[in-house]
């Protein structure tokens, strides 16, 4: 069994326990905006793909579009992600594994013919909705980065939406 760090305090333990895997505030904001625009989807839908099991936050199964709303800390956002100062022996490899798992999930989805849209939690809602709508319409060219200015999903600064296409 892995050697885990001891909690710094009961408050820190409660804080980390409160982090959710699904139904986060940024994810709920995006889902509300998509639903208000008439889009229907499955949430936290498990996909058993060859060689990988993937669980997108939002899945449009008929159009094969998977949407992930990534947290800045957990997925190492280049703009807002930070490395913890304590217990680095534990956190550095854990966060690196999260990024590797994201890349593996993107590759597995693309190989299975899915379009992948990854959005940082601090993205503007409208920018994220535009990226999802573009992927649903099949108009997102590989490497393109839709941008927008609107209310934030979580934080205060906008960054571009990451998209991946099948076969890339």
N, C-alpha and C. Protein backbone atom coordinates (compact mmCIF):
# COMPACT_ATOMS: atom_id res chain seq x y z
N UNK A 1 0.85 -1.18 0.00
CA UNK A 1 0.00 0.00 0.00
C UNK A 1 0.89 1.24 0.00
N UNK A 2 0.45 2.29 -0.67
CA UNK A 2 1.23 3.51 -0.80
C UNK A 2 1.36 4.21 0.54
N UNK A 3 2.44 4.92 0.69
CA UNK A 3 2.69 5.69 1.89
C UNK A 3 2.09 7.08 1.68
N UNK A 4 1.06 7.41 2.43
CA UNK A 4 0.38 8.68 2.25
C UNK A 4 0.86 9.67 3.30
N UNK A 5 0.88 10.96 2.96
CA UNK A 5 1.29 11.96 3.95
C UNK A 5 0.23 12.12 5.03
N UNK A 6 0.69 12.48 6.19
CA UNK A 6 -0.24 12.74 7.28
C UNK A 6 -0.84 14.13 7.07
N UNK A 7 -2.10 14.32 7.39
CA UNK A 7 -2.74 15.63 7.20
C UNK A 7 -2.05 16.71 8.02
N UNK A 8 -1.99 17.90 7.44
CA UNK A 8 -1.38 19.03 8.15
C UNK A 8 -2.26 19.47 9.32
N UNK A 9 -3.58 19.37 9.13
CA UNK A 9 -4.52 19.77 10.17
C UNK A 9 -5.87 19.16 9.86
N UNK A 10 -6.75 19.08 10.85
CA UNK A 10 -8.11 18.58 10.58
C UNK A 10 -8.85 19.46 9.57
N UNK A 11 -8.57 20.76 9.58
CA UNK A 11 -9.21 21.67 8.63
C UNK A 11 -8.79 21.35 7.20
N UNK A 12 -7.50 21.08 7.00
CA UNK A 12 -7.00 20.73 5.67
C UNK A 12 -7.62 19.42 5.21
N UNK A 13 -7.75 18.47 6.11
CA UNK A 13 -8.37 17.19 5.76
C UNK A 13 -9.81 17.41 5.31
N UNK A 14 -10.54 18.23 6.03
CA UNK A 14 -11.93 18.51 5.67
C UNK A 14 -12.00 19.21 4.32
N UNK A 15 -11.06 20.12 4.07
CA UNK A 15 -11.02 20.85 2.81
C UNK A 15 -10.79 19.89 1.64
N UNK A 16 -9.84 18.99 1.76
CA UNK A 16 -9.52 18.05 0.69
C UNK A 16 -10.66 17.04 0.50
N UNK A 17 -11.29 16.63 1.58
CA UNK A 17 -12.41 15.70 1.50
C UNK A 17 -13.59 16.32 0.76
N UNK A 18 -13.72 17.64 0.83
CA UNK A 18 -14.85 18.34 0.22
C UNK A 18 -14.69 18.50 -1.30
N UNK A 19 -13.49 18.24 -1.85
CA UNK A 19 -13.30 18.32 -3.29
C UNK A 19 -14.10 17.23 -3.97
N UNK A 20 -14.91 17.62 -4.94
CA UNK A 20 -15.81 16.67 -5.59
C UNK A 20 -15.22 16.17 -6.90
N UNK A 21 -15.58 14.95 -7.25
CA UNK A 21 -15.17 14.37 -8.53
C UNK A 21 -16.13 14.79 -9.64
N UNK A 22 -17.38 14.97 -9.28
CA UNK A 22 -18.39 15.38 -10.27
C UNK A 22 -19.27 16.46 -9.66
N UNK A 23 -20.05 17.09 -10.53
CA UNK A 23 -20.96 18.16 -10.11
C UNK A 23 -20.24 19.32 -9.42
N UNK A 24 -19.09 19.71 -9.96
CA UNK A 24 -18.38 20.86 -9.43
C UNK A 24 -19.09 22.13 -9.89
N UNK A 25 -18.83 23.25 -9.26
CA UNK A 25 -19.50 24.50 -9.63
C UNK A 25 -19.22 24.89 -11.08
N UNK A 26 -17.97 24.80 -11.56
CA UNK A 26 -17.74 25.15 -12.97
C UNK A 26 -18.48 24.20 -13.93
N UNK A 27 -18.53 22.92 -13.58
CA UNK A 27 -19.23 21.94 -14.42
C UNK A 27 -20.74 22.24 -14.43
N UNK A 28 -21.30 22.55 -13.27
CA UNK A 28 -22.72 22.87 -13.19
C UNK A 28 -23.05 24.12 -14.01
N UNK A 29 -22.18 25.12 -13.95
CA UNK A 29 -22.40 26.36 -14.72
C UNK A 29 -22.42 26.06 -16.22
N UNK A 30 -21.50 25.23 -16.68
CA UNK A 30 -21.46 24.87 -18.10
C UNK A 30 -22.69 24.06 -18.48
N UNK A 31 -23.06 23.10 -17.64
CA UNK A 31 -24.23 22.28 -17.94
C UNK A 31 -25.50 23.12 -18.01
N UNK A 32 -25.64 24.04 -17.07
CA UNK A 32 -26.81 24.94 -17.08
C UNK A 32 -26.86 25.75 -18.38
N UNK A 33 -25.71 26.29 -18.78
CA UNK A 33 -25.67 27.10 -20.00
C UNK A 33 -25.98 26.26 -21.24
N UNK A 34 -25.45 25.04 -21.30
CA UNK A 34 -25.73 24.16 -22.44
C UNK A 34 -27.21 23.79 -22.47
N UNK A 35 -27.77 23.46 -21.32
CA UNK A 35 -29.17 23.06 -21.24
C UNK A 35 -30.08 24.22 -21.63
N UNK A 36 -29.72 25.43 -21.20
CA UNK A 36 -30.52 26.62 -21.53
C UNK A 36 -30.53 26.87 -23.04
N UNK A 37 -29.51 26.44 -23.73
CA UNK A 37 -29.43 26.61 -25.18
C UNK A 37 -30.03 25.42 -25.94
N UNK A 38 -30.63 24.50 -25.20
CA UNK A 38 -31.33 23.40 -25.84
C UNK A 38 -30.52 22.13 -26.03
N UNK A 39 -29.29 22.10 -25.57
CA UNK A 39 -28.47 20.89 -25.72
C UNK A 39 -28.85 19.88 -24.64
N UNK A 40 -28.91 18.62 -25.02
CA UNK A 40 -29.18 17.53 -24.08
C UNK A 40 -27.99 16.59 -24.11
N UNK A 41 -27.63 16.08 -22.96
CA UNK A 41 -26.37 15.34 -22.81
C UNK A 41 -26.50 14.35 -21.67
N UNK A 42 -25.48 13.56 -21.52
CA UNK A 42 -25.36 12.68 -20.35
C UNK A 42 -24.25 13.22 -19.49
N UNK A 43 -24.44 13.15 -18.18
CA UNK A 43 -23.40 13.65 -17.28
C UNK A 43 -22.69 12.48 -16.61
N UNK A 44 -21.37 12.63 -16.45
CA UNK A 44 -20.55 11.62 -15.79
C UNK A 44 -20.82 10.24 -16.39
N UNK A 45 -20.81 10.16 -17.72
CA UNK A 45 -21.18 8.96 -18.45
C UNK A 45 -19.95 8.09 -18.67
N UNK A 46 -19.99 6.85 -18.22
CA UNK A 46 -18.85 5.95 -18.34
C UNK A 46 -18.77 5.36 -19.75
N UNK A 47 -17.60 5.49 -20.35
CA UNK A 47 -17.35 4.92 -21.67
C UNK A 47 -16.29 3.85 -21.54
N UNK A 48 -16.64 2.62 -21.87
CA UNK A 48 -15.67 1.52 -21.85
C UNK A 48 -15.09 1.39 -23.24
N UNK A 49 -13.92 1.99 -23.44
CA UNK A 49 -13.25 1.98 -24.74
C UNK A 49 -12.18 0.92 -24.75
N UNK A 50 -11.74 0.50 -25.93
CA UNK A 50 -10.65 -0.47 -25.99
C UNK A 50 -9.40 0.07 -25.28
N UNK A 51 -9.00 -0.58 -24.23
CA UNK A 51 -7.78 -0.19 -23.51
C UNK A 51 -7.96 0.92 -22.49
N UNK A 52 -9.15 1.46 -22.34
CA UNK A 52 -9.33 2.55 -21.37
C UNK A 52 -10.80 2.67 -20.97
N UNK A 53 -10.99 3.08 -19.75
CA UNK A 53 -12.32 3.43 -19.26
C UNK A 53 -12.28 4.94 -18.99
N UNK A 54 -13.18 5.66 -19.62
CA UNK A 54 -13.17 7.12 -19.54
C UNK A 54 -14.53 7.58 -19.05
N UNK A 55 -14.53 8.64 -18.24
CA UNK A 55 -15.76 9.18 -17.69
C UNK A 55 -15.79 10.69 -17.92
N UNK A 56 -16.26 11.13 -19.12
CA UNK A 56 -16.34 12.58 -19.36
C UNK A 56 -17.35 13.23 -18.42
N UNK A 57 -17.13 14.50 -18.12
CA UNK A 57 -18.08 15.24 -17.29
C UNK A 57 -19.41 15.38 -18.03
N UNK A 58 -19.33 15.64 -19.33
CA UNK A 58 -20.51 15.79 -20.18
C UNK A 58 -20.27 14.99 -21.44
N UNK A 59 -21.22 14.16 -21.83
CA UNK A 59 -21.07 13.35 -23.05
C UNK A 59 -22.29 13.51 -23.94
N UNK A 60 -22.03 13.82 -25.19
CA UNK A 60 -23.06 13.84 -26.22
C UNK A 60 -22.86 12.56 -27.01
N UNK A 61 -23.58 11.51 -26.63
CA UNK A 61 -23.31 10.18 -27.16
C UNK A 61 -23.63 10.04 -28.64
N UNK A 62 -24.72 10.63 -29.11
CA UNK A 62 -25.09 10.49 -30.52
C UNK A 62 -24.08 11.19 -31.43
N UNK A 63 -23.53 12.29 -30.96
CA UNK A 63 -22.57 13.04 -31.78
C UNK A 63 -21.12 12.73 -31.41
N UNK A 64 -20.94 11.90 -30.41
CA UNK A 64 -19.62 11.45 -29.98
C UNK A 64 -18.70 12.63 -29.63
N UNK A 65 -19.19 13.45 -28.70
CA UNK A 65 -18.41 14.57 -28.18
C UNK A 65 -18.32 14.40 -26.67
N UNK A 66 -17.09 14.41 -26.16
CA UNK A 66 -16.84 14.30 -24.73
C UNK A 66 -16.29 15.63 -24.22
N UNK A 67 -16.85 16.11 -23.12
CA UNK A 67 -16.45 17.40 -22.55
C UNK A 67 -15.93 17.17 -21.14
N UNK A 68 -14.77 17.73 -20.86
CA UNK A 68 -14.17 17.65 -19.53
C UNK A 68 -13.98 19.07 -19.01
N UNK A 69 -14.37 19.32 -17.76
CA UNK A 69 -14.11 20.60 -17.11
C UNK A 69 -13.02 20.33 -16.08
N UNK A 70 -11.81 20.76 -16.39
CA UNK A 70 -10.64 20.44 -15.57
C UNK A 70 -10.36 21.53 -14.54
N UNK A 71 -10.09 21.11 -13.31
CA UNK A 71 -9.70 22.03 -12.26
C UNK A 71 -8.24 22.43 -12.41
N UNK A 72 -7.94 23.69 -12.12
CA UNK A 72 -6.58 24.21 -12.31
C UNK A 72 -5.55 23.46 -11.46
N UNK A 73 -5.87 23.17 -10.22
CA UNK A 73 -4.91 22.48 -9.35
C UNK A 73 -4.73 21.04 -9.79
N UNK A 74 -5.82 20.30 -9.93
CA UNK A 74 -5.76 18.87 -10.16
C UNK A 74 -5.21 18.50 -11.53
N UNK A 75 -5.34 19.39 -12.52
CA UNK A 75 -4.90 19.08 -13.88
C UNK A 75 -3.75 19.96 -14.32
N UNK A 76 -3.12 20.66 -13.39
CA UNK A 76 -1.89 21.44 -13.62
C UNK A 76 -2.07 22.51 -14.70
N UNK A 77 -3.02 23.39 -14.51
CA UNK A 77 -3.23 24.51 -15.42
C UNK A 77 -1.93 25.32 -15.53
N UNK A 78 -1.48 25.61 -16.76
CA UNK A 78 -0.24 26.38 -16.90
C UNK A 78 -0.37 27.80 -16.39
N UNK A 79 -1.60 28.30 -16.29
CA UNK A 79 -1.81 29.66 -15.82
C UNK A 79 -2.02 29.73 -14.31
N UNK A 80 -2.82 28.81 -13.76
CA UNK A 80 -3.21 28.89 -12.36
C UNK A 80 -2.81 27.69 -11.51
N UNK A 81 -2.35 26.63 -12.14
CA UNK A 81 -1.98 25.44 -11.38
C UNK A 81 -0.77 25.72 -10.51
N UNK A 82 -0.78 25.20 -9.31
CA UNK A 82 0.35 25.41 -8.41
C UNK A 82 0.77 24.07 -7.80
N UNK A 83 2.02 23.97 -7.49
CA UNK A 83 2.55 22.78 -6.85
C UNK A 83 2.56 23.02 -5.34
N UNK A 84 2.03 22.10 -4.57
CA UNK A 84 2.03 22.27 -3.11
C UNK A 84 3.46 22.35 -2.57
N UNK A 85 3.62 23.16 -1.54
CA UNK A 85 4.95 23.33 -0.94
C UNK A 85 5.28 22.19 0.02
N UNK A 86 4.26 21.59 0.63
CA UNK A 86 4.52 20.49 1.56
C UNK A 86 4.16 19.17 0.90
N UNK A 87 4.81 18.13 1.34
CA UNK A 87 4.58 16.77 0.83
C UNK A 87 4.74 16.69 -0.69
N UNK A 88 5.76 17.36 -1.20
CA UNK A 88 5.98 17.36 -2.65
C UNK A 88 6.28 15.96 -3.17
N UNK A 89 6.86 15.10 -2.35
CA UNK A 89 7.15 13.72 -2.75
C UNK A 89 5.87 12.98 -3.12
N UNK A 90 4.75 13.39 -2.55
CA UNK A 90 3.46 12.77 -2.82
C UNK A 90 2.72 13.49 -3.95
N UNK A 91 2.65 14.82 -3.88
CA UNK A 91 1.82 15.59 -4.80
C UNK A 91 2.38 15.67 -6.21
N UNK A 92 3.68 15.84 -6.37
CA UNK A 92 4.25 15.99 -7.72
C UNK A 92 3.92 14.79 -8.61
N UNK A 93 4.18 13.55 -8.17
CA UNK A 93 3.83 12.42 -9.02
C UNK A 93 2.31 12.26 -9.20
N UNK A 94 1.54 12.58 -8.16
CA UNK A 94 0.08 12.43 -8.27
C UNK A 94 -0.47 13.37 -9.33
N UNK A 95 -0.06 14.63 -9.31
CA UNK A 95 -0.54 15.59 -10.30
C UNK A 95 -0.03 15.25 -11.70
N UNK A 96 1.19 14.76 -11.79
CA UNK A 96 1.73 14.34 -13.10
C UNK A 96 0.92 13.17 -13.66
N UNK A 97 0.52 12.24 -12.79
CA UNK A 97 -0.32 11.12 -13.25
C UNK A 97 -1.67 11.61 -13.76
N UNK A 98 -2.23 12.65 -13.12
CA UNK A 98 -3.50 13.20 -13.60
C UNK A 98 -3.36 13.72 -15.03
N UNK A 99 -2.28 14.44 -15.29
CA UNK A 99 -2.05 14.99 -16.63
C UNK A 99 -1.84 13.85 -17.64
N UNK A 100 -1.08 12.84 -17.24
CA UNK A 100 -0.87 11.68 -18.12
C UNK A 100 -2.19 10.95 -18.40
N UNK A 101 -3.02 10.82 -17.37
CA UNK A 101 -4.31 10.16 -17.53
C UNK A 101 -5.20 10.96 -18.48
N UNK A 102 -5.15 12.29 -18.39
CA UNK A 102 -5.92 13.14 -19.31
C UNK A 102 -5.49 12.89 -20.75
N UNK A 103 -4.18 12.84 -20.98
CA UNK A 103 -3.67 12.62 -22.34
C UNK A 103 -4.07 11.23 -22.84
N UNK A 104 -4.01 10.22 -21.98
CA UNK A 104 -4.40 8.86 -22.37
C UNK A 104 -5.89 8.81 -22.68
N UNK A 105 -6.70 9.49 -21.89
CA UNK A 105 -8.15 9.52 -22.14
C UNK A 105 -8.45 10.21 -23.46
N UNK A 106 -7.76 11.33 -23.73
CA UNK A 106 -7.96 12.04 -25.00
C UNK A 106 -7.60 11.14 -26.18
N UNK A 107 -6.48 10.44 -26.05
CA UNK A 107 -6.04 9.55 -27.14
C UNK A 107 -7.03 8.41 -27.35
N UNK A 108 -7.50 7.80 -26.26
CA UNK A 108 -8.45 6.69 -26.38
C UNK A 108 -9.76 7.16 -27.00
N UNK A 109 -10.23 8.32 -26.59
CA UNK A 109 -11.47 8.86 -27.16
C UNK A 109 -11.29 9.19 -28.64
N UNK A 110 -10.19 9.83 -28.99
CA UNK A 110 -9.93 10.17 -30.39
C UNK A 110 -9.83 8.91 -31.24
N UNK A 111 -9.17 7.88 -30.72
CA UNK A 111 -9.04 6.62 -31.45
C UNK A 111 -10.39 5.96 -31.66
N UNK A 112 -11.33 6.20 -30.75
CA UNK A 112 -12.67 5.61 -30.86
C UNK A 112 -13.61 6.51 -31.67
N UNK A 113 -13.07 7.62 -32.21
CA UNK A 113 -13.89 8.49 -33.05
C UNK A 113 -14.63 9.59 -32.32
N UNK A 114 -14.25 9.87 -31.10
CA UNK A 114 -14.89 10.94 -30.32
C UNK A 114 -14.12 12.24 -30.48
N UNK A 115 -14.84 13.36 -30.41
CA UNK A 115 -14.21 14.67 -30.31
C UNK A 115 -14.10 14.99 -28.82
N UNK A 116 -13.01 15.58 -28.43
CA UNK A 116 -12.77 15.89 -27.02
C UNK A 116 -12.66 17.40 -26.85
N UNK A 117 -13.41 17.93 -25.90
CA UNK A 117 -13.30 19.34 -25.54
C UNK A 117 -12.92 19.39 -24.07
N UNK A 118 -11.78 20.02 -23.79
CA UNK A 118 -11.33 20.20 -22.41
C UNK A 118 -11.36 21.68 -22.09
N UNK A 119 -11.97 22.01 -20.96
CA UNK A 119 -12.15 23.40 -20.55
C UNK A 119 -11.57 23.55 -19.16
N UNK A 120 -10.80 24.61 -18.94
CA UNK A 120 -10.31 24.89 -17.58
C UNK A 120 -11.46 25.45 -16.76
N UNK A 121 -11.40 25.25 -15.46
CA UNK A 121 -12.47 25.73 -14.59
C UNK A 121 -12.63 27.24 -14.61
N UNK A 122 -11.58 27.97 -14.99
CA UNK A 122 -11.66 29.43 -14.98
C UNK A 122 -12.09 30.01 -16.34
N UNK A 123 -12.44 29.15 -17.29
CA UNK A 123 -12.88 29.62 -18.60
C UNK A 123 -14.19 30.37 -18.50
N UNK A 124 -14.38 31.37 -19.35
CA UNK A 124 -15.69 32.02 -19.42
C UNK A 124 -16.73 31.01 -19.91
N UNK A 125 -17.92 31.07 -19.36
CA UNK A 125 -18.98 30.13 -19.73
C UNK A 125 -19.25 30.20 -21.23
N UNK A 126 -19.37 31.40 -21.76
CA UNK A 126 -19.69 31.54 -23.19
C UNK A 126 -18.60 30.96 -24.07
N UNK A 127 -17.35 31.09 -23.68
CA UNK A 127 -16.25 30.51 -24.44
C UNK A 127 -16.35 28.99 -24.44
N UNK A 128 -16.68 28.42 -23.30
CA UNK A 128 -16.81 26.97 -23.19
C UNK A 128 -18.00 26.48 -24.01
N UNK A 129 -19.12 27.20 -23.94
CA UNK A 129 -20.31 26.81 -24.72
C UNK A 129 -20.01 26.89 -26.21
N UNK A 130 -19.28 27.91 -26.63
CA UNK A 130 -18.90 28.06 -28.04
C UNK A 130 -18.04 26.89 -28.48
N UNK A 131 -17.10 26.47 -27.65
CA UNK A 131 -16.23 25.35 -28.00
C UNK A 131 -17.03 24.06 -28.12
N UNK A 132 -17.96 23.85 -27.19
CA UNK A 132 -18.79 22.64 -27.23
C UNK A 132 -19.69 22.66 -28.46
N UNK A 133 -20.31 23.80 -28.72
CA UNK A 133 -21.20 23.92 -29.89
C UNK A 133 -20.42 23.68 -31.18
N UNK A 134 -19.21 24.20 -31.25
CA UNK A 134 -18.38 23.98 -32.44
C UNK A 134 -18.04 22.51 -32.61
N UNK A 135 -17.73 21.85 -31.53
CA UNK A 135 -17.42 20.42 -31.60
C UNK A 135 -18.66 19.63 -32.01
N UNK A 136 -19.81 20.02 -31.50
CA UNK A 136 -21.05 19.33 -31.86
C UNK A 136 -21.39 19.53 -33.33
N UNK A 137 -21.08 20.71 -33.85
CA UNK A 137 -21.36 21.01 -35.25
C UNK A 137 -20.27 20.43 -36.16
N UNK A 138 -19.18 19.96 -35.55
CA UNK A 138 -18.08 19.41 -36.34
C UNK A 138 -17.25 20.47 -37.02
N UNK A 139 -17.27 21.70 -36.48
CA UNK A 139 -16.55 22.80 -37.12
C UNK A 139 -15.28 23.19 -36.40
N UNK A 140 -14.84 22.40 -35.43
CA UNK A 140 -13.63 22.73 -34.70
C UNK A 140 -12.44 22.12 -35.42
N UNK A 141 -11.67 22.91 -36.16
CA UNK A 141 -10.48 22.34 -36.79
C UNK A 141 -9.44 22.00 -35.73
N UNK A 142 -8.62 21.03 -36.02
CA UNK A 142 -7.60 20.59 -35.07
C UNK A 142 -6.72 21.76 -34.67
N UNK A 143 -6.51 21.90 -33.38
CA UNK A 143 -5.62 22.94 -32.87
C UNK A 143 -6.27 24.31 -32.76
N UNK A 144 -7.53 24.46 -33.17
CA UNK A 144 -8.16 25.77 -33.07
C UNK A 144 -8.52 26.05 -31.62
N UNK A 145 -8.61 27.31 -31.29
CA UNK A 145 -8.87 27.68 -29.92
C UNK A 145 -9.93 28.77 -29.88
N UNK A 146 -11.20 28.39 -29.71
CA UNK A 146 -12.23 29.42 -29.60
C UNK A 146 -12.06 30.24 -28.33
N UNK A 147 -12.37 31.49 -28.37
CA UNK A 147 -12.26 32.34 -27.19
C UNK A 147 -13.51 33.19 -27.06
N UNK A 148 -13.77 33.69 -25.88
CA UNK A 148 -14.93 34.54 -25.68
C UNK A 148 -14.79 35.34 -24.41
N UNK A 149 -15.63 36.32 -24.24
CA UNK A 149 -15.62 37.13 -23.03
C UNK A 149 -17.01 37.06 -22.44
N UNK A 150 -17.11 36.52 -21.24
CA UNK A 150 -18.41 36.34 -20.59
C UNK A 150 -18.19 36.04 -19.13
N UNK A 151 -19.27 35.77 -18.37
CA UNK A 151 -19.10 35.40 -16.96
C UNK A 151 -18.19 34.19 -16.83
N UNK A 152 -17.45 34.14 -15.77
CA UNK A 152 -16.47 33.07 -15.57
C UNK A 152 -17.12 31.81 -15.05
N UNK A 153 -16.52 30.65 -15.40
CA UNK A 153 -16.94 29.39 -14.82
C UNK A 153 -16.51 29.32 -13.37
N UNK A 154 -15.31 29.76 -13.09
CA UNK A 154 -14.82 29.64 -11.73
C UNK A 154 -13.98 30.82 -11.31
N UNK A 155 -12.87 31.05 -11.99
CA UNK A 155 -11.90 32.05 -11.56
C UNK A 155 -12.15 33.41 -12.18
N UNK A 156 -11.05 34.17 -12.33
CA UNK A 156 -11.19 35.54 -12.78
C UNK A 156 -10.57 35.81 -14.12
N UNK A 157 -9.75 34.93 -14.64
CA UNK A 157 -9.10 35.25 -15.90
C UNK A 157 -9.41 34.19 -16.93
N UNK A 158 -9.68 34.61 -18.15
CA UNK A 158 -10.00 33.66 -19.21
C UNK A 158 -8.75 33.08 -19.86
N UNK A 159 -8.82 31.88 -20.34
CA UNK A 159 -7.77 31.24 -21.10
C UNK A 159 -8.46 30.46 -22.19
N UNK A 160 -7.72 30.08 -23.17
CA UNK A 160 -8.34 29.40 -24.31
C UNK A 160 -8.77 27.98 -23.96
N UNK A 161 -9.77 27.55 -24.65
CA UNK A 161 -10.31 26.20 -24.49
C UNK A 161 -9.43 25.23 -25.27
N UNK A 162 -9.13 24.10 -24.69
CA UNK A 162 -8.33 23.08 -25.36
C UNK A 162 -9.28 22.12 -26.07
N UNK A 163 -9.01 21.82 -27.31
CA UNK A 163 -9.83 20.87 -28.03
C UNK A 163 -8.94 19.82 -28.68
N UNK A 164 -9.50 18.65 -28.87
CA UNK A 164 -8.78 17.58 -29.56
C UNK A 164 -9.76 16.93 -30.52
N UNK A 165 -9.28 16.51 -31.66
CA UNK A 165 -10.12 15.88 -32.67
C UNK A 165 -9.68 14.44 -32.88
N UNK A 166 -10.59 13.61 -33.40
CA UNK A 166 -10.21 12.24 -33.71
C UNK A 166 -9.08 12.22 -34.73
N UNK A 167 -8.15 11.31 -34.53
CA UNK A 167 -7.04 11.15 -35.46
C UNK A 167 -5.90 12.10 -35.26
N UNK A 168 -5.94 12.94 -34.22
CA UNK A 168 -4.83 13.89 -33.95
C UNK A 168 -4.06 13.49 -32.74
